[in-house]
Protein backbone atom coordinates (compact mmCIF):
# COMPACT_ATOMS: atom_id res chain seq x y z
CA MET A 1 17.82 -218.63 89.54
CA THR A 2 18.38 -214.98 90.45
CA PRO A 3 22.01 -214.02 91.06
CA ARG A 4 22.84 -212.93 94.61
CA PRO A 5 24.10 -209.41 95.23
CA GLY A 6 27.86 -209.24 95.55
CA VAL A 7 30.01 -207.79 98.31
CA GLN A 8 30.09 -204.39 96.61
CA ASP A 9 26.30 -204.17 96.33
CA ASN A 10 25.78 -205.30 99.94
CA PHE A 11 28.34 -202.80 101.24
CA LEU A 12 26.94 -199.88 99.25
CA GLN A 13 23.32 -200.77 100.10
CA THR A 14 24.18 -200.79 103.81
CA LEU A 15 25.68 -197.31 103.46
CA VAL A 16 22.58 -196.07 101.61
CA ASN A 17 20.13 -197.63 104.08
CA ASP A 18 21.96 -196.34 107.16
CA LYS A 19 22.55 -192.89 105.61
CA THR A 20 26.18 -193.21 106.66
CA ASN A 21 28.57 -190.34 105.99
CA VAL A 22 31.32 -191.57 103.68
CA SER A 23 34.57 -190.44 102.14
CA VAL A 24 34.90 -191.38 98.47
CA PHE A 25 38.48 -191.29 97.20
CA LEU A 26 38.90 -190.97 93.45
CA VAL A 27 41.75 -192.52 91.46
CA ASN A 28 43.26 -189.04 91.00
CA GLY A 29 43.49 -188.58 94.79
CA ILE A 30 40.54 -186.22 95.26
CA ARG A 31 38.36 -186.93 98.29
CA LEU A 32 34.60 -186.40 98.15
CA SER A 33 32.44 -186.50 101.28
CA GLY A 34 28.73 -186.97 101.83
CA GLN A 35 26.05 -189.63 102.02
CA LEU A 36 25.40 -192.23 99.34
CA ALA A 37 21.88 -191.65 98.04
CA ALA A 38 21.80 -194.41 95.41
CA PHE A 39 23.95 -196.52 93.11
CA ASP A 40 23.75 -198.79 90.12
CA GLN A 41 26.18 -200.83 88.05
CA PHE A 42 28.08 -197.78 86.80
CA VAL A 43 27.56 -194.78 89.12
CA VAL A 44 26.96 -193.65 92.70
CA LEU A 45 24.95 -190.60 93.77
CA LEU A 46 26.69 -188.70 96.56
CA GLU A 47 24.68 -186.10 98.51
CA SER A 48 26.58 -183.32 100.25
CA GLY A 49 26.10 -179.69 101.26
CA PRO A 50 26.19 -178.20 97.75
CA GLY A 51 23.87 -180.83 96.27
CA VAL A 52 24.11 -184.19 94.56
CA GLN A 53 27.10 -185.49 92.60
CA LEU A 54 26.97 -188.31 90.07
CA VAL A 55 30.28 -190.18 90.36
CA PHE A 56 31.27 -192.90 87.90
CA LYS A 57 32.47 -196.05 89.64
CA HIS A 58 35.47 -196.40 87.33
CA ALA A 59 36.80 -193.14 88.83
CA ILE A 60 36.49 -194.40 92.43
CA SER A 61 39.42 -195.90 94.29
CA THR A 62 37.95 -196.30 97.79
CA VAL A 63 34.66 -195.81 99.63
CA MET A 64 35.07 -195.54 103.39
CA PRO A 65 32.50 -194.89 106.13
CA VAL A 66 33.61 -191.80 108.06
CA ASN A 67 32.85 -193.35 111.45
CA GLY A 68 33.77 -196.94 110.56
CA ARG A 69 30.13 -198.12 110.81
CA GLY A 70 28.77 -200.42 108.15
CA LEU A 71 32.08 -202.12 107.52
CA ALA A 72 32.15 -203.83 110.92
CA ARG A 73 28.58 -205.04 110.49
CA ASP A 74 29.37 -206.51 107.07
CA ARG A 75 32.35 -208.39 108.50
CA THR A 76 30.27 -209.76 111.37
CA GLU A 77 27.53 -210.98 109.04
CA ALA A 78 30.10 -212.58 106.73
CA SER A 79 31.83 -214.38 109.60
CA THR A 80 28.54 -215.90 110.79
CA ARG A 81 27.79 -217.42 107.38
CA ARG A 82 30.20 -220.35 107.46
CA ASP A 83 28.46 -222.23 104.66
CA GLU A 84 29.04 -219.45 102.13
CA PRO A 85 32.50 -218.90 100.62
CA SER A 86 34.06 -215.48 101.05
CA HIS A 87 35.53 -214.02 97.88
CA LEU A 88 37.59 -210.89 98.46
């Protein structure tokens, strides 16, 4: 049986697919802005004006869509799946 993607993977994949502009806040308070190009278990690739940044997930505090998109869709999909438990 293949494990299902978690909330984090679903959220990040939605941001990648929709090419949503995001703010990425690091644990030291620095804010990075751009579009998520890709991610894996350990890093995210953030595209912005100057180029691409490889950001380690352990340095990230928060990822937030700039316009609030993506998050609302994830909540709607989660609320329609009553048979699946929600772990937050």
